[in-house]
Amino acid sequence: MPLRPRRLPAKLSRVSETVLDVKGLACPLPVLRANRMLRGLEPGARLRVLATDRAAVADFQAFCRETGHALLAFSEDAGTLSFLIRRRGETP
């Protein structure tokens, strides 16, 4: 299944975000794909990751803590985990 990031129209959301769907992928792939996607985003940009692997909860918490990205929100709905991550700013 190819990864296809999509940007939500501004009128649907006050803050634009890119969505990465990694449902069905197991650890460590959700975090690795998110890391690759975040590297291509501007500082401060938001990435919403949709995953189904339960290990992703601890993985994304550790990933954000170690990399300096901000884990803004986490939720679960019908077995789908949603993580909202803000890309860290550039380091001087």
N, C-alpha and C. Protein backbone atom coordinates (compact mmCIF):
# COMPACT_ATOMS: atom_id res chain seq x y z
N MET A 1 0.85 -1.17 0.00
CA MET A 1 0.00 0.00 0.00
C MET A 1 0.90 1.24 0.00
N PRO A 2 0.87 2.06 -1.05
CA PRO A 2 1.72 3.24 -1.11
C PRO A 2 1.27 4.31 -0.13
N LEU A 3 2.23 5.02 0.41
CA LEU A 3 1.93 6.12 1.32
C LEU A 3 1.58 7.35 0.50
N ARG A 4 0.45 7.94 0.83
CA ARG A 4 0.02 9.13 0.12
C ARG A 4 -0.35 10.20 1.12
N PRO A 5 0.59 11.08 1.45
CA PRO A 5 0.24 12.15 2.38
C PRO A 5 -0.77 13.08 1.72
N ARG A 6 -1.64 13.62 2.53
CA ARG A 6 -2.59 14.57 1.99
C ARG A 6 -2.69 15.76 2.93
N ARG A 7 -2.85 16.90 2.36
CA ARG A 7 -3.00 18.12 3.14
C ARG A 7 -4.48 18.48 3.16
N LEU A 8 -5.00 18.70 4.35
CA LEU A 8 -6.40 19.06 4.49
C LEU A 8 -6.61 20.51 4.07
N PRO A 9 -7.69 20.81 3.37
CA PRO A 9 -7.96 22.20 2.99
C PRO A 9 -8.10 23.08 4.23
N ALA A 10 -7.61 24.30 4.12
CA ALA A 10 -7.62 25.22 5.26
C ALA A 10 -9.02 25.46 5.79
N LYS A 11 -10.03 25.44 4.92
CA LYS A 11 -11.39 25.69 5.39
C LYS A 11 -11.93 24.55 6.24
N LEU A 12 -11.33 23.36 6.18
CA LEU A 12 -11.75 22.25 7.02
C LEU A 12 -11.07 22.28 8.38
N SER A 13 -9.95 22.92 8.45
CA SER A 13 -9.19 22.97 9.68
C SER A 13 -8.56 24.34 9.81
N ARG A 14 -8.55 24.87 11.01
CA ARG A 14 -7.93 26.19 11.21
C ARG A 14 -6.44 26.12 10.96
N VAL A 15 -5.84 25.00 11.32
CA VAL A 15 -4.41 24.82 11.11
C VAL A 15 -4.24 23.66 10.14
N SER A 16 -3.49 23.89 9.09
CA SER A 16 -3.27 22.86 8.09
C SER A 16 -2.43 21.73 8.68
N GLU A 17 -2.73 20.52 8.26
CA GLU A 17 -1.94 19.38 8.70
C GLU A 17 -1.82 18.37 7.58
N THR A 18 -0.75 17.62 7.61
CA THR A 18 -0.53 16.53 6.67
C THR A 18 -0.95 15.26 7.38
N VAL A 19 -1.61 14.36 6.66
CA VAL A 19 -2.07 13.10 7.25
C VAL A 19 -1.26 11.96 6.67
N LEU A 20 -0.74 11.12 7.56
CA LEU A 20 0.02 9.93 7.17
C LEU A 20 -0.72 8.71 7.69
N ASP A 21 -1.18 7.87 6.79
CA ASP A 21 -1.94 6.67 7.14
C ASP A 21 -1.00 5.47 7.13
N VAL A 22 -0.68 4.96 8.33
CA VAL A 22 0.19 3.78 8.45
C VAL A 22 -0.56 2.64 9.12
N LYS A 23 -1.88 2.64 8.97
CA LYS A 23 -2.69 1.57 9.56
C LYS A 23 -2.26 0.24 8.96
N GLY A 24 -2.15 -0.77 9.82
CA GLY A 24 -1.76 -2.09 9.38
C GLY A 24 -0.26 -2.36 9.45
N LEU A 25 0.53 -1.31 9.63
CA LEU A 25 1.99 -1.49 9.74
C LEU A 25 2.36 -1.71 11.20
N ALA A 26 3.35 -2.56 11.42
CA ALA A 26 3.80 -2.88 12.78
C ALA A 26 5.08 -2.15 13.11
N CYS A 27 5.36 -2.06 14.40
CA CYS A 27 6.56 -1.44 14.95
C CYS A 27 7.78 -2.04 14.25
N PRO A 28 8.72 -1.23 13.86
CA PRO A 28 8.90 0.22 14.04
C PRO A 28 8.44 1.06 12.86
N LEU A 29 7.76 0.45 11.88
CA LEU A 29 7.44 1.17 10.65
C LEU A 29 6.62 2.45 10.82
N PRO A 30 5.61 2.51 11.69
CA PRO A 30 4.88 3.78 11.82
C PRO A 30 5.79 4.96 12.20
N VAL A 31 6.68 4.75 13.15
CA VAL A 31 7.58 5.82 13.57
C VAL A 31 8.59 6.15 12.47
N LEU A 32 9.11 5.14 11.80
CA LEU A 32 10.07 5.39 10.72
C LEU A 32 9.44 6.18 9.58
N ARG A 33 8.22 5.83 9.21
CA ARG A 33 7.53 6.56 8.13
C ARG A 33 7.21 7.99 8.57
N ALA A 34 6.80 8.16 9.82
CA ALA A 34 6.51 9.49 10.33
C ALA A 34 7.78 10.34 10.34
N ASN A 35 8.89 9.76 10.75
CA ASN A 35 10.15 10.49 10.79
C ASN A 35 10.53 10.96 9.38
N ARG A 36 10.38 10.09 8.40
CA ARG A 36 10.70 10.45 7.02
C ARG A 36 9.79 11.60 6.56
N MET A 37 8.52 11.52 6.89
CA MET A 37 7.57 12.56 6.49
C MET A 37 7.89 13.89 7.18
N LEU A 38 8.19 13.85 8.47
CA LEU A 38 8.50 15.07 9.22
C LEU A 38 9.73 15.78 8.66
N ARG A 39 10.72 15.02 8.21
CA ARG A 39 11.92 15.64 7.65
C ARG A 39 11.61 16.50 6.43
N GLY A 40 10.53 16.19 5.73
CA GLY A 40 10.16 16.95 4.54
C GLY A 40 9.22 18.11 4.81
N LEU A 41 8.80 18.28 6.06
CA LEU A 41 7.88 19.36 6.41
C LEU A 41 8.63 20.58 6.96
N GLU A 42 7.99 21.72 6.87
CA GLU A 42 8.55 22.95 7.42
C GLU A 42 8.50 22.92 8.95
N PRO A 43 9.42 23.61 9.63
CA PRO A 43 9.34 23.70 11.09
C PRO A 43 7.98 24.25 11.52
N GLY A 44 7.39 23.64 12.53
CA GLY A 44 6.10 24.06 13.03
C GLY A 44 4.92 23.38 12.33
N ALA A 45 5.18 22.70 11.21
CA ALA A 45 4.10 22.01 10.49
C ALA A 45 3.56 20.86 11.34
N ARG A 46 2.32 20.51 11.08
CA ARG A 46 1.66 19.44 11.85
C ARG A 46 1.47 18.20 10.99
N LEU A 47 1.73 17.07 11.62
CA LEU A 47 1.55 15.78 10.97
C LEU A 47 0.61 14.94 11.83
N ARG A 48 -0.48 14.46 11.23
CA ARG A 48 -1.38 13.54 11.92
C ARG A 48 -1.07 12.15 11.39
N VAL A 49 -0.74 11.25 12.30
CA VAL A 49 -0.42 9.87 11.95
C VAL A 49 -1.57 8.98 12.41
N LEU A 50 -2.07 8.16 11.50
CA LEU A 50 -3.13 7.20 11.81
C LEU A 50 -2.50 5.81 11.81
N ALA A 51 -2.61 5.10 12.93
CA ALA A 51 -1.97 3.79 13.08
C ALA A 51 -2.90 2.83 13.79
N THR A 52 -2.59 1.55 13.68
CA THR A 52 -3.37 0.52 14.39
C THR A 52 -2.50 -0.30 15.33
N ASP A 53 -1.20 -0.15 15.27
CA ASP A 53 -0.29 -0.91 16.13
C ASP A 53 -0.29 -0.32 17.54
N ARG A 54 -0.70 -1.11 18.52
CA ARG A 54 -0.77 -0.63 19.92
C ARG A 54 0.58 -0.15 20.43
N ALA A 55 1.67 -0.72 19.94
CA ALA A 55 3.00 -0.29 20.38
C ALA A 55 3.30 1.14 19.96
N ALA A 56 2.54 1.68 19.01
CA ALA A 56 2.79 3.04 18.53
C ALA A 56 2.60 4.08 19.62
N VAL A 57 1.78 3.79 20.61
CA VAL A 57 1.54 4.76 21.70
C VAL A 57 2.87 5.08 22.39
N ALA A 58 3.53 4.07 22.89
CA ALA A 58 4.82 4.28 23.56
C ALA A 58 5.89 4.72 22.58
N ASP A 59 5.84 4.19 21.36
CA ASP A 59 6.85 4.54 20.35
C ASP A 59 6.82 6.03 20.01
N PHE A 60 5.62 6.58 19.79
CA PHE A 60 5.55 8.00 19.43
C PHE A 60 5.87 8.91 20.60
N GLN A 61 5.53 8.50 21.81
CA GLN A 61 5.91 9.28 22.98
C GLN A 61 7.43 9.36 23.08
N ALA A 62 8.10 8.22 22.95
CA ALA A 62 9.57 8.19 23.03
C ALA A 62 10.19 8.93 21.85
N PHE A 63 9.65 8.74 20.66
CA PHE A 63 10.17 9.39 19.46
C PHE A 63 10.14 10.91 19.62
N CYS A 64 9.01 11.45 20.07
CA CYS A 64 8.90 12.90 20.22
C CYS A 64 9.81 13.42 21.33
N ARG A 65 9.90 12.68 22.41
CA ARG A 65 10.78 13.08 23.51
C ARG A 65 12.23 13.12 23.04
N GLU A 66 12.65 12.15 22.27
CA GLU A 66 14.05 12.06 21.82
C GLU A 66 14.40 13.03 20.70
N THR A 67 13.45 13.35 19.83
CA THR A 67 13.74 14.18 18.66
C THR A 67 13.40 15.65 18.84
N GLY A 68 12.61 15.98 19.85
CA GLY A 68 12.23 17.37 20.06
C GLY A 68 10.96 17.78 19.35
N HIS A 69 10.33 16.87 18.61
CA HIS A 69 9.03 17.16 18.03
C HIS A 69 8.01 17.15 19.16
N ALA A 70 6.89 17.85 18.98
CA ALA A 70 5.88 17.93 20.03
C ALA A 70 4.72 17.00 19.71
N LEU A 71 4.41 16.10 20.63
CA LEU A 71 3.23 15.26 20.51
C LEU A 71 2.07 16.07 21.10
N LEU A 72 1.28 16.68 20.21
CA LEU A 72 0.23 17.61 20.64
C LEU A 72 -1.03 16.90 21.13
N ALA A 73 -1.34 15.77 20.51
CA ALA A 73 -2.57 15.06 20.88
C ALA A 73 -2.47 13.60 20.48
N PHE A 74 -3.22 12.79 21.20
CA PHE A 74 -3.32 11.36 20.92
C PHE A 74 -4.75 10.95 21.19
N SER A 75 -5.33 10.17 20.30
CA SER A 75 -6.69 9.66 20.54
C SER A 75 -6.83 8.30 19.88
N GLU A 76 -7.92 7.62 20.24
CA GLU A 76 -8.22 6.33 19.64
C GLU A 76 -9.70 6.30 19.31
N ASP A 77 -10.02 5.79 18.13
CA ASP A 77 -11.41 5.65 17.72
C ASP A 77 -11.55 4.37 16.92
N ALA A 78 -12.32 3.44 17.44
CA ALA A 78 -12.61 2.16 16.76
C ALA A 78 -11.33 1.43 16.35
N GLY A 79 -10.33 1.45 17.23
CA GLY A 79 -9.10 0.72 16.95
C GLY A 79 -8.06 1.48 16.16
N THR A 80 -8.39 2.68 15.71
CA THR A 80 -7.42 3.51 14.99
C THR A 80 -6.86 4.54 15.95
N LEU A 81 -5.55 4.55 16.05
CA LEU A 81 -4.84 5.51 16.89
C LEU A 81 -4.50 6.73 16.05
N SER A 82 -4.66 7.91 16.61
CA SER A 82 -4.35 9.15 15.91
C SER A 82 -3.36 9.95 16.76
N PHE A 83 -2.25 10.33 16.15
CA PHE A 83 -1.21 11.12 16.82
C PHE A 83 -1.04 12.42 16.05
N LEU A 84 -1.11 13.55 16.74
CA LEU A 84 -0.86 14.84 16.12
C LEU A 84 0.50 15.34 16.60
N ILE A 85 1.41 15.51 15.65
CA ILE A 85 2.80 15.88 15.97
C ILE A 85 3.13 17.20 15.29
N ARG A 86 3.75 18.11 16.04
CA ARG A 86 4.25 19.36 15.46
C ARG A 86 5.75 19.24 15.26
N ARG A 87 6.20 19.50 14.03
CA ARG A 87 7.63 19.40 13.73
C ARG A 87 8.39 20.45 14.53
N ARG A 88 9.51 20.04 15.05
CA ARG A 88 10.34 20.97 15.84
C ARG A 88 10.87 22.09 14.95
N GLY A 89 11.24 23.19 15.60
CA GLY A 89 11.85 24.29 14.87
C GLY A 89 13.28 23.96 14.51
N GLU A 90 13.83 24.74 13.64
CA GLU A 90 15.24 24.54 13.26
C GLU A 90 16.15 24.82 14.45
N THR A 91 17.19 24.05 14.57
CA THR A 91 18.16 24.27 15.64
C THR A 91 19.22 25.24 15.13
N PRO A 92 19.62 26.18 15.97
CA PRO A 92 20.62 27.18 15.52
C PRO A 92 21.98 26.58 15.28
